[in-house]
Protein backbone atom coordinates (compact mmCIF):
# COMPACT_ATOMS: atom_id res chain seq x y z
CA MET A 1 0.03 0.10 -0.07
CA THR A 2 2.74 2.32 0.86
CA GLN A 3 4.06 1.98 -2.66
CA VAL A 4 0.71 2.83 -4.25
CA LEU A 5 0.47 5.88 -1.76
CA ALA A 6 3.96 7.01 -3.05
CA ALA A 7 2.77 6.77 -6.58
CA ASP A 8 -0.55 8.63 -6.22
CA SER A 9 0.82 11.11 -4.07
CA ARG A 10 3.70 11.86 -6.38
CA PHE A 11 1.14 12.09 -9.10
CA LEU A 12 -1.09 14.72 -7.41
CA ALA A 13 2.09 16.61 -6.55
CA LEU A 14 3.17 16.88 -10.24
CA GLU A 15 0.04 17.77 -11.27
CA LEU A 16 -0.35 20.66 -8.81
CA TYR A 17 3.47 21.74 -9.62
CA ARG A 18 2.19 21.89 -13.42
CA ILE A 19 -0.74 24.01 -12.27
CA LEU A 20 1.20 26.50 -10.24
CA LYS A 21 3.86 27.04 -13.14
CA ASP A 22 0.72 28.01 -15.26
CA ILE A 23 -0.60 30.28 -12.93
CA ASP A 24 2.82 31.98 -12.21
CA ALA A 25 2.34 35.91 -12.16
CA ALA A 26 4.17 35.86 -15.69
CA ARG A 27 1.63 33.83 -17.46
CA TRP A 28 -1.38 34.49 -15.66
CA ARG A 29 -4.29 35.74 -17.63
CA ASN A 30 -7.80 36.12 -16.30
CA GLU A 31 -9.25 33.86 -19.30
CA LEU A 32 -7.44 31.05 -17.81
CA GLU A 33 -9.76 31.04 -14.86
CA THR A 34 -12.14 28.73 -15.99
CA ALA A 35 -9.61 26.00 -17.10
CA VAL A 36 -7.74 26.29 -13.71
CA ARG A 37 -10.84 25.79 -11.83
CA GLU A 38 -11.60 22.70 -13.69
CA ARG A 39 -8.04 21.15 -13.10
CA LEU A 40 -7.95 22.26 -9.36
CA ALA A 41 -11.52 20.67 -9.05
CA ARG A 42 -10.08 17.45 -10.40
CA LEU A 43 -7.35 17.56 -8.02
CA GLU A 44 -9.78 17.95 -5.16
CA ALA A 45 -12.00 15.06 -6.41
CA ASN A 46 -9.37 12.78 -5.79
CA MET A 47 -8.26 13.79 -2.39
CA PRO A 48 -10.56 12.33 0.11
CA HIS A 49 -9.41 8.86 -1.27
CA LEU A 50 -5.74 10.01 -1.13
CA LEU A 51 -6.22 11.40 2.33
CA ASP A 52 -7.79 8.07 3.62
CA ARG A 53 -4.86 6.13 2.18
CA ALA A 54 -2.20 8.32 3.90
CA ARG A 55 -3.76 7.82 7.12
CA GLN A 56 -3.82 4.18 6.72
CA ALA A 57 -0.20 3.68 5.24
CA ALA A 58 1.72 6.49 6.67
CA PRO A 59 -0.21 7.59 9.87
CA HIS A 60 2.97 8.65 11.77
CA THR A 61 4.18 10.83 9.19
CA ASP A 62 3.34 14.59 8.16
CA LEU A 63 1.81 13.40 4.91
CA PRO A 64 -1.87 13.11 6.41
CA ASN A 65 -1.80 16.58 7.82
CA ARG A 66 -0.30 18.16 4.70
CA LEU A 67 -2.72 16.32 2.26
CA ALA A 68 -5.48 17.44 4.74
CA THR A 69 -4.37 21.15 4.33
CA LEU A 70 -4.02 21.00 0.76
CA SER A 71 -7.59 19.43 0.31
CA GLU A 72 -9.11 22.21 2.25
CA LEU A 73 -7.27 25.02 0.15
CA LEU A 74 -8.52 23.13 -2.85
CA ARG A 75 -12.21 22.65 -1.49
CA ASP A 76 -12.79 25.81 0.31
CA ARG A 77 -10.26 28.55 -0.60
CA VAL A 78 -10.12 28.65 -4.22
CA PRO A 79 -11.25 32.59 -5.14
CA HIS A 80 -14.80 33.41 -6.05
CA PRO A 81 -15.42 33.41 -9.68
CA HIS A 82 -17.50 36.64 -9.72
CA TRP A 83 -15.26 39.43 -8.65
CA PRO A 84 -16.08 42.42 -10.12
CA THR A 85 -12.99 43.78 -11.94
CA HIS A 86 -10.16 42.12 -13.55
CA GLU A 87 -7.87 43.61 -10.79
CA GLU A 88 -9.32 42.15 -8.14
CA ILE A 89 -9.55 38.79 -9.86
CA ALA A 90 -5.75 38.72 -10.39
CA SER A 91 -5.25 39.94 -6.61
CA LYS A 92 -7.35 37.23 -5.57
CA TRP A 93 -5.44 34.32 -7.55
CA ALA A 94 -2.14 35.72 -6.20
CA GLU A 95 -3.02 35.63 -2.84
CA TYR A 96 -4.39 31.98 -3.57
CA ARG A 97 -1.29 30.91 -5.42
CA ALA A 98 1.00 32.07 -2.54
CA GLN A 99 -1.10 29.69 -0.20
CA LEU A 100 -0.82 26.64 -2.86
CA ILE A 101 2.69 27.19 -3.08
CA ALA A 102 3.45 27.13 0.61
CA ALA A 103 0.96 24.06 0.85
CA TYR A 104 3.01 22.28 -2.25
CA GLU A 105 6.40 22.95 -0.52
CA ASP A 106 5.35 21.55 2.54
CA LEU A 107 3.56 18.41 0.75
CA ALA A 108 7.15 17.83 -1.28
CA ARG A 109 9.02 17.74 2.22
CA SER A 110 6.41 15.19 3.65
CA LEU A 111 6.89 12.78 0.43
CA ARG A 112 10.73 12.62 1.01
CA PRO A 113 10.39 9.78 3.48
CA LEU A 114 8.53 7.71 0.83
CA SER A 115 11.21 8.28 -1.61
CA VAL A 116 9.44 10.63 -3.65
CA HIS A 117 11.08 13.82 -4.82
CA VAL A 118 9.32 16.33 -6.82
CA PRO A 119 10.67 19.90 -8.20
CA SER A 120 10.73 22.87 -6.05
CA VAL A 121 8.47 25.84 -7.16
CA ARG A 122 10.22 28.78 -8.29
CA PRO A 123 7.78 31.86 -8.82
CA THR A 124 8.21 34.92 -10.85
CA ASN A 125 9.74 37.33 -8.18
CA TYR A 126 10.86 40.55 -9.90
CA ALA A 127 12.50 41.60 -6.55
CA ARG A 128 14.70 38.46 -6.66
CA ASN A 129 15.68 39.23 -10.43
CA VAL A 130 16.80 43.01 -9.47
CA PHE A 131 18.76 41.07 -6.37
CA HIS A 132 20.19 38.77 -8.75
CA VAL A 133 21.55 41.62 -11.20
CA ALA A 134 22.57 43.64 -8.43
CA THR A 135 24.79 41.17 -6.39
CA ALA A 136 26.19 40.26 -10.05
CA GLY A 137 27.14 43.78 -10.22
CA LEU A 138 28.79 44.22 -6.82
CA SER A 139 30.78 40.89 -7.61
CA VAL A 140 32.00 42.17 -10.80
CA ALA A 141 33.00 45.52 -8.98
CA LEU A 142 34.85 43.78 -6.24
CA ILE A 143 36.90 41.49 -8.63
CA ALA A 144 37.82 44.57 -10.62
CA LEU A 145 38.73 46.26 -7.45
CA VAL A 146 40.89 43.62 -6.05
CA SER A 147 44.38 43.83 -7.38
CA SER A 148 45.65 40.20 -6.57
CA ARG A 149 44.40 36.60 -6.56
CA GLY A 150 45.04 36.07 -2.94
CA GLY A 151 43.28 39.09 -1.99
CA LEU A 152 40.03 37.94 -4.09
CA ILE A 153 40.42 34.22 -2.56
CA ALA A 154 40.49 35.85 1.17
CA LEU A 155 37.24 38.06 0.36
CA ALA A 156 35.28 35.02 -1.14
CA ALA A 157 36.29 32.98 1.66
CA PHE A 158 35.17 35.32 3.88
CA PHE A 159 31.63 35.70 2.04
CA ALA A 160 31.57 31.98 1.98
CA ALA A 161 32.35 31.72 5.73
CA SER A 162 29.57 34.41 6.52
CA ALA A 163 26.99 32.67 4.62
CA TRP A 164 27.65 29.29 5.92
CA THR A 165 27.71 31.00 9.55
CA MET A 166 24.05 32.00 9.03
CA GLU A 167 23.17 28.84 7.30
CA THR A 168 24.17 26.84 10.23
CA SER A 169 22.46 29.01 12.78
CA ARG A 170 19.13 28.83 11.06
CA ARG A 171 19.58 24.95 11.13
CA PHE A 172 19.62 25.13 15.07
CA SER A 173 17.75 28.15 15.66
CA PRO A 174 14.02 28.44 14.54
CA ARG A 175 14.22 32.35 15.79
CA ALA A 176 17.30 32.78 13.43
CA ASN A 177 15.40 31.21 10.66
CA GLU A 178 12.41 33.26 10.92
CA PHE A 179 14.52 36.50 11.24
CA LEU A 180 16.62 35.76 8.12
CA LEU A 181 13.37 34.93 6.27
CA ARG A 182 11.87 38.27 7.12
CA VAL A 183 15.06 39.95 6.28
CA PHE A 184 15.40 38.27 2.78
CA GLY A 185 11.95 37.20 2.56
CA LYS A 186 11.05 39.17 -0.73
CA VAL A 187 13.95 37.56 -2.70
CA ALA A 188 13.82 34.26 -1.24
CA HIS A 189 12.27 31.40 -2.92
CA PRO A 190 9.53 29.30 -0.78
CA HIS A 191 11.51 26.17 -0.63
CA GLU A 192 14.52 27.85 0.79
CA ARG A 193 12.78 28.05 4.09
CA PHE A 194 13.90 24.48 4.51
CA HIS A 195 17.07 24.24 1.97
CA VAL A 196 20.28 25.96 2.00
CA ASN A 197 19.36 29.13 0.15
CA SER A 198 20.75 30.24 -2.97
CA ALA A 199 22.96 33.17 -1.65
CA THR A 200 25.04 30.56 0.28
CA TRP A 201 25.64 28.48 -2.75
CA TYR A 202 26.29 31.75 -4.57
CA THR A 203 29.02 32.68 -2.25
CA THR A 204 30.26 29.19 -2.31
CA ALA A 205 30.79 29.11 -6.08
CA LEU A 206 32.57 32.31 -5.65
CA LEU A 207 35.11 30.74 -3.78
CA VAL A 208 35.60 28.10 -5.85
CA LEU A 209 35.95 30.26 -8.67
CA ALA A 210 38.53 32.32 -7.17
CA LEU A 211 40.55 29.16 -6.21
CA THR A 212 40.32 27.48 -9.70
CA VAL A 213 40.17 30.01 -12.53
CA PRO A 214 41.89 33.17 -13.74
CA MET A 215 40.17 36.51 -12.32
CA ALA A 216 38.85 37.25 -15.93
CA LEU A 217 36.89 34.11 -16.05
CA GLY A 218 35.53 34.34 -12.45
CA MET A 219 34.02 37.91 -13.44
CA ALA A 220 32.62 36.44 -16.77
CA ALA A 221 31.07 33.40 -14.64
CA VAL A 222 29.18 35.85 -12.09
CA GLY A 223 28.26 37.92 -14.99
CA ILE A 224 26.61 35.36 -16.64
CA LEU A 225 24.61 34.26 -13.66
CA GLY A 226 23.47 37.55 -12.98
CA LEU A 227 22.10 38.59 -16.22
CA ALA A 228 21.44 35.34 -18.03
CA ASP A 229 19.79 33.20 -15.46
CA PRO A 230 17.16 35.84 -14.85
CA ALA A 231 16.46 36.78 -18.59
CA ALA A 232 16.15 32.92 -19.14
CA ALA A 233 13.38 32.87 -16.47
CA LEU A 234 11.61 35.91 -17.54
CA VAL A 235 11.27 34.91 -21.20
CA GLY A 236 11.13 31.13 -20.69
CA ARG A 237 7.88 31.98 -18.53
CA ARG A 238 6.51 34.55 -20.44
CA PHE A 239 7.13 33.54 -24.04
CA GLY A 240 8.19 29.76 -23.82
CA ARG A 241 6.40 27.35 -25.81
CA ILE A 242 8.94 24.76 -27.06
CA ARG A 243 9.54 22.62 -24.02
CA LEU A 244 13.03 20.71 -23.38
CA VAL A 245 13.69 19.05 -19.84
CA HIS A 246 12.55 19.60 -16.44
CA GLY A 247 10.27 22.55 -17.46
CA ARG A 248 12.81 24.54 -19.38
CA THR A 249 12.18 26.16 -22.85
CA LEU A 250 13.90 26.52 -26.13
CA GLU A 251 13.07 30.30 -25.78
CA GLY A 252 14.33 30.67 -22.22
CA THR A 253 17.65 28.54 -22.93
CA LEU A 254 18.41 30.92 -25.95
CA ALA A 255 17.70 33.91 -23.78
CA PHE A 256 20.20 32.38 -21.59
CA PHE A 257 23.03 31.89 -24.13
CA VAL A 258 22.70 35.46 -25.74
CA THR A 259 22.46 37.29 -22.62
CA GLY A 260 25.32 35.33 -21.24
CA THR A 261 27.45 35.75 -24.37
CA LEU A 262 26.85 39.51 -24.67
CA THR A 263 27.42 40.12 -20.94
CA ALA A 264 30.59 38.01 -20.79
CA VAL A 265 32.03 39.65 -23.97
CA GLY A 266 31.62 43.21 -22.60
CA LEU A 267 33.38 42.23 -19.32
CA LEU A 268 36.26 40.58 -20.82
CA MET A 269 36.87 43.37 -23.41
CA VAL A 270 36.06 46.25 -20.74
CA PHE A 271 38.23 45.11 -17.48
CA TRP A 272 40.52 42.61 -19.29
CA SER A 273 41.37 44.03 -22.70
CA PHE A 274 40.55 40.84 -24.74
CA PRO A 275 40.50 41.04 -28.63
CA TRP A 276 36.78 40.77 -29.64
CA ARG A 277 37.12 37.76 -31.51
CA SER A 278 38.74 35.95 -28.42
CA ALA A 279 36.29 37.50 -25.98
CA LEU A 280 33.30 36.32 -28.14
CA PHE A 281 34.77 32.70 -28.40
CA VAL A 282 35.49 32.56 -24.60
CA ALA A 283 32.27 34.13 -23.94
CA ALA A 284 30.18 31.92 -26.18
CA CYS A 285 31.83 28.73 -24.65
CA ALA A 286 31.16 29.92 -21.22
CA SER A 287 27.64 30.84 -21.53
CA LEU A 288 27.00 27.68 -23.96
CA LEU A 289 28.11 25.30 -20.97
CA GLY A 290 26.35 27.54 -18.43
CA ALA A 291 23.19 27.27 -20.36
CA VAL A 292 23.32 23.44 -20.68
CA VAL A 293 23.99 22.94 -17.10
CA GLU A 294 21.21 25.38 -16.10
CA LEU A 295 18.80 22.82 -18.24
CA PHE A 296 19.86 20.06 -16.00
CA SER A 297 20.16 21.69 -12.57
CA ARG A 298 17.40 20.25 -10.33
CA ARG A 299 18.50 18.98 -7.09
CA ILE A 300 21.83 21.29 -7.35
CA ASP A 301 21.45 24.74 -6.85
CA ASP A 302 22.04 26.51 -10.18
CA ASN A 303 23.52 29.65 -8.36
CA LEU A 304 26.38 27.07 -7.74
CA SER A 305 26.36 25.10 -10.73
CA ILE A 306 25.70 27.73 -13.46
CA PRO A 307 28.82 29.88 -12.40
CA LEU A 308 31.16 26.69 -12.06
CA ALA A 309 30.14 25.43 -15.54
CA ALA A 310 30.63 29.10 -17.04
CA GLY A 311 33.98 29.18 -15.55
CA ALA A 312 34.99 25.73 -16.81
CA GLY A 313 33.51 26.70 -20.24
CA GLY A 314 35.91 29.71 -20.27
CA TRP A 315 38.81 27.74 -19.16
CA ILE A 316 38.48 25.32 -21.83
CA ALA A 317 38.01 28.23 -24.29
CA LEU A 318 41.24 29.59 -23.31
CA GLN A 319 43.38 26.31 -23.48
CA LEU A 320 41.71 26.03 -27.30
CA LEU A 321 42.57 29.69 -28.42
CA PRO A 322 46.15 29.40 -29.29
CA LEU A 323 44.78 26.41 -31.85
CA LEU A 324 42.32 28.79 -33.46
């Protein structure tokens, strides 16, 4: 019975995940409301049977409670269909979407003891996109200002140690966790309440880059992450039609590659005096590998995987330059 419960719960979670992606702020249109209601109603119709099975097969886990909370949201909290204005409709659905995301992330955590892993929701967050770009800009400025590799390593080690200290403190102190989430709440994804947050992985990537690749490539890598990753998310969610893997789209991936290449070309030419052909080759290789890794980043945070992949791609290109 446990295997059947796991399979049914996974099906439910993945369908809810697809719905949440379709009602993301970047995709939401009021004319989608009827179709979304029908999909939510189909999920709700299956909830009583699944909840009974969870109470029988996994009574000592969080799963029954998580399913009960989700069932209530699907049954009683769906926004009223007759709000007078489009603005009110969009506002109510935004509130409901936030509640569904929280319930989904709680459900995802409760499924892990059953060896069921589903993707985390990453809703459109314009404040996070701005923070992403600003952080990359700060990193580029610091790399440009630091005069030595040793100084850059020391600075990166300081940021990484600070991030991991905060990460450790919130694991042992719920109050510290709540405080940090209040401070960074506007730029955090919902799943980061329970996972190592992206900023910690980012500072870790900075340290690895400082230790392993030339400073020019480290700057290009953080620039690619800072601009190409938000560009891929915004274009993919708004205009993406051709699906690739793990919810990514061809349009988003192309936006990543083009934005990343242009960003890295500019940084290599302005700060490191690369000839334009060399800059274009190195930037394209770094951006291409970053885009490929972004496609397949699921359990590994892309704030770690993308800059490391971009740095590796740029390093490979540097080795190939004398052969061209």
